[in-house]
Amino acid sequence: MISNSSDELHTYAIIIGTIGHSRLIDSLVRNGKVNIAAVARQWEWFQIQVVPNPLPGVESALVVAGSDKRGTI
């Protein structure tokens, strides 16, 4: 299932978004779940990591955070 809402995530999820344009990615960064230091302010960069307990009710998520639109793609 594809969704734009964190309310619809299940036990395991794949979260994809662009830093500064995705509320979900930005909240993971603010809460210290994802460190974007290596990709922030870069062109066409991304990072992939497994994040344990990223949100309530989600045991684990594969998070893809792009520095910009092309990095996310």
N, C-alpha and C. Protein backbone atom coordinates (compact mmCIF):
# COMPACT_ATOMS: atom_id res chain seq x y z
N MET A 1 0.84 -1.17 0.00
CA MET A 1 0.00 0.00 0.00
C MET A 1 0.89 1.24 0.00
N ILE A 2 0.53 2.23 -0.79
CA ILE A 2 1.23 3.51 -0.84
C ILE A 2 0.35 4.55 -0.17
N SER A 3 0.97 5.35 0.70
CA SER A 3 0.20 6.33 1.45
C SER A 3 1.04 7.58 1.72
N ASN A 4 0.38 8.69 1.86
CA ASN A 4 1.04 9.94 2.25
C ASN A 4 0.82 10.24 3.72
N SER A 5 0.25 9.32 4.45
CA SER A 5 -0.09 9.55 5.85
C SER A 5 0.65 8.57 6.75
N SER A 6 1.22 9.08 7.82
CA SER A 6 1.89 8.20 8.77
C SER A 6 0.89 7.38 9.57
N ASP A 7 -0.38 7.79 9.57
CA ASP A 7 -1.42 7.06 10.29
C ASP A 7 -1.69 5.69 9.69
N GLU A 8 -1.32 5.49 8.43
CA GLU A 8 -1.62 4.25 7.73
C GLU A 8 -0.43 3.28 7.69
N LEU A 9 0.65 3.60 8.39
CA LEU A 9 1.81 2.72 8.40
C LEU A 9 1.55 1.50 9.27
N HIS A 10 2.20 0.41 8.93
CA HIS A 10 2.03 -0.84 9.66
C HIS A 10 3.32 -1.18 10.43
N THR A 11 3.44 -2.40 10.89
CA THR A 11 4.57 -2.82 11.71
C THR A 11 5.91 -2.58 11.02
N TYR A 12 5.98 -2.87 9.74
CA TYR A 12 7.19 -2.64 8.95
C TYR A 12 6.81 -1.72 7.80
N ALA A 13 7.65 -0.73 7.54
CA ALA A 13 7.29 0.25 6.52
C ALA A 13 8.52 0.69 5.73
N ILE A 14 8.25 1.24 4.57
CA ILE A 14 9.28 1.91 3.77
C ILE A 14 8.85 3.36 3.70
N ILE A 15 9.72 4.25 4.15
CA ILE A 15 9.42 5.68 4.19
C ILE A 15 10.40 6.37 3.24
N ILE A 16 9.84 7.08 2.27
CA ILE A 16 10.66 7.76 1.26
C ILE A 16 10.25 9.23 1.22
N GLY A 17 11.22 10.13 1.22
CA GLY A 17 10.89 11.54 1.14
C GLY A 17 12.12 12.41 0.94
N THR A 18 11.86 13.67 0.66
CA THR A 18 12.91 14.65 0.43
C THR A 18 13.06 15.53 1.67
N ILE A 19 14.28 15.70 2.11
CA ILE A 19 14.58 16.52 3.27
C ILE A 19 14.06 17.94 3.02
N GLY A 20 13.31 18.46 3.96
CA GLY A 20 12.78 19.81 3.84
C GLY A 20 11.46 19.89 3.09
N HIS A 21 11.02 18.77 2.51
CA HIS A 21 9.76 18.74 1.76
C HIS A 21 8.83 17.64 2.23
N SER A 22 9.30 16.80 3.11
CA SER A 22 8.49 15.68 3.63
C SER A 22 8.33 15.86 5.14
N ARG A 23 7.10 16.04 5.58
CA ARG A 23 6.86 16.21 7.02
C ARG A 23 7.36 14.99 7.80
N LEU A 24 7.18 13.81 7.24
CA LEU A 24 7.57 12.58 7.93
C LEU A 24 9.09 12.47 8.05
N ILE A 25 9.80 12.70 6.97
CA ILE A 25 11.27 12.66 7.01
C ILE A 25 11.78 13.74 7.97
N ASP A 26 11.24 14.94 7.86
CA ASP A 26 11.68 16.03 8.72
C ASP A 26 11.42 15.74 10.20
N SER A 27 10.32 15.07 10.51
CA SER A 27 10.05 14.73 11.91
C SER A 27 11.02 13.66 12.41
N LEU A 28 11.40 12.72 11.56
CA LEU A 28 12.40 11.72 11.95
C LEU A 28 13.75 12.38 12.23
N VAL A 29 14.09 13.38 11.43
CA VAL A 29 15.34 14.12 11.64
C VAL A 29 15.26 14.90 12.96
N ARG A 30 14.17 15.63 13.18
CA ARG A 30 14.00 16.42 14.41
C ARG A 30 14.06 15.56 15.66
N ASN A 31 13.52 14.34 15.57
CA ASN A 31 13.48 13.45 16.73
C ASN A 31 14.75 12.61 16.89
N GLY A 32 15.74 12.86 16.06
CA GLY A 32 17.02 12.17 16.18
C GLY A 32 17.02 10.74 15.68
N LYS A 33 16.01 10.36 14.93
CA LYS A 33 15.94 8.99 14.41
C LYS A 33 16.78 8.83 13.14
N VAL A 34 16.95 9.93 12.39
CA VAL A 34 17.71 9.91 11.14
C VAL A 34 18.70 11.07 11.18
N ASN A 35 19.97 10.78 10.91
CA ASN A 35 21.00 11.81 10.85
C ASN A 35 21.29 12.10 9.38
N ILE A 36 21.04 13.32 8.95
CA ILE A 36 21.19 13.67 7.54
C ILE A 36 22.45 14.48 7.26
N ALA A 37 23.38 14.54 8.20
CA ALA A 37 24.58 15.37 8.06
C ALA A 37 25.34 15.09 6.76
N ALA A 38 25.41 13.85 6.34
CA ALA A 38 26.19 13.49 5.15
C ALA A 38 25.53 13.92 3.85
N VAL A 39 24.22 14.08 3.83
CA VAL A 39 23.53 14.39 2.58
C VAL A 39 22.92 15.79 2.54
N ALA A 40 22.81 16.44 3.67
CA ALA A 40 22.19 17.77 3.71
C ALA A 40 22.98 18.75 2.84
N ARG A 41 22.29 19.57 2.10
CA ARG A 41 22.86 20.60 1.24
C ARG A 41 23.73 20.03 0.12
N GLN A 42 23.52 18.78 -0.24
CA GLN A 42 24.21 18.19 -1.39
C GLN A 42 23.23 18.14 -2.56
N TRP A 43 23.73 18.00 -3.76
CA TRP A 43 22.88 17.85 -4.93
C TRP A 43 22.77 16.37 -5.28
N GLU A 44 21.54 15.92 -5.44
CA GLU A 44 21.23 14.57 -5.93
C GLU A 44 21.83 13.46 -5.07
N TRP A 45 21.83 13.65 -3.77
CA TRP A 45 22.31 12.64 -2.83
C TRP A 45 21.13 12.03 -2.10
N PHE A 46 21.36 10.84 -1.56
CA PHE A 46 20.34 10.19 -0.74
C PHE A 46 21.03 9.29 0.26
N GLN A 47 20.28 8.89 1.25
CA GLN A 47 20.78 7.88 2.19
C GLN A 47 19.66 6.89 2.47
N ILE A 48 20.06 5.69 2.71
CA ILE A 48 19.13 4.62 3.04
C ILE A 48 19.57 4.04 4.36
N GLN A 49 18.62 3.89 5.28
CA GLN A 49 18.95 3.24 6.54
C GLN A 49 17.72 2.60 7.15
N VAL A 50 17.96 1.58 7.94
CA VAL A 50 16.89 0.94 8.69
C VAL A 50 16.79 1.65 10.03
N VAL A 51 15.58 2.07 10.36
CA VAL A 51 15.36 2.82 11.60
C VAL A 51 14.43 2.01 12.50
N PRO A 52 14.92 1.56 13.66
CA PRO A 52 14.05 0.85 14.59
C PRO A 52 13.10 1.82 15.30
N ASN A 53 11.87 1.42 15.45
CA ASN A 53 10.85 2.21 16.16
C ASN A 53 10.80 3.68 15.72
N PRO A 54 10.64 3.93 14.42
CA PRO A 54 10.63 5.32 13.96
C PRO A 54 9.40 6.10 14.40
N LEU A 55 8.28 5.40 14.55
CA LEU A 55 7.00 6.02 14.90
C LEU A 55 6.21 5.07 15.78
N PRO A 56 5.26 5.57 16.53
CA PRO A 56 4.43 4.67 17.33
C PRO A 56 3.72 3.64 16.45
N GLY A 57 3.82 2.39 16.83
CA GLY A 57 3.17 1.31 16.09
C GLY A 57 3.98 0.76 14.94
N VAL A 58 5.13 1.36 14.65
CA VAL A 58 6.00 0.89 13.57
C VAL A 58 7.25 0.31 14.22
N GLU A 59 7.45 -0.98 14.04
CA GLU A 59 8.60 -1.65 14.66
C GLU A 59 9.91 -1.29 13.97
N SER A 60 9.88 -1.22 12.64
CA SER A 60 11.08 -0.94 11.88
C SER A 60 10.69 -0.35 10.53
N ALA A 61 11.53 0.55 10.04
CA ALA A 61 11.27 1.15 8.73
C ALA A 61 12.56 1.30 7.94
N LEU A 62 12.47 1.06 6.65
CA LEU A 62 13.54 1.36 5.73
C LEU A 62 13.29 2.80 5.29
N VAL A 63 14.22 3.70 5.61
CA VAL A 63 14.03 5.12 5.33
C VAL A 63 14.98 5.55 4.22
N VAL A 64 14.40 6.14 3.18
CA VAL A 64 15.18 6.72 2.08
C VAL A 64 14.95 8.22 2.15
N ALA A 65 16.02 8.96 2.44
CA ALA A 65 15.93 10.42 2.56
C ALA A 65 16.81 11.04 1.48
N GLY A 66 16.17 11.79 0.59
CA GLY A 66 16.90 12.45 -0.48
C GLY A 66 17.22 13.89 -0.13
N SER A 67 18.37 14.36 -0.59
CA SER A 67 18.75 15.74 -0.34
C SER A 67 17.94 16.73 -1.17
N ASP A 68 17.47 16.28 -2.31
CA ASP A 68 16.61 17.06 -3.18
C ASP A 68 15.74 16.10 -3.98
N LYS A 69 14.91 16.62 -4.86
CA LYS A 69 13.97 15.78 -5.61
C LYS A 69 14.70 14.68 -6.39
N ARG A 70 15.74 15.04 -7.09
CA ARG A 70 16.47 14.04 -7.89
C ARG A 70 17.19 13.03 -7.01
N GLY A 71 17.68 13.46 -5.87
CA GLY A 71 18.30 12.53 -4.93
C GLY A 71 17.30 11.52 -4.41
N THR A 72 16.10 11.97 -4.14
CA THR A 72 15.05 11.07 -3.66
C THR A 72 14.65 10.07 -4.74
N ILE A 73 14.54 10.57 -5.97
CA ILE A 73 14.16 9.68 -7.08
C ILE A 73 15.20 8.63 -7.29
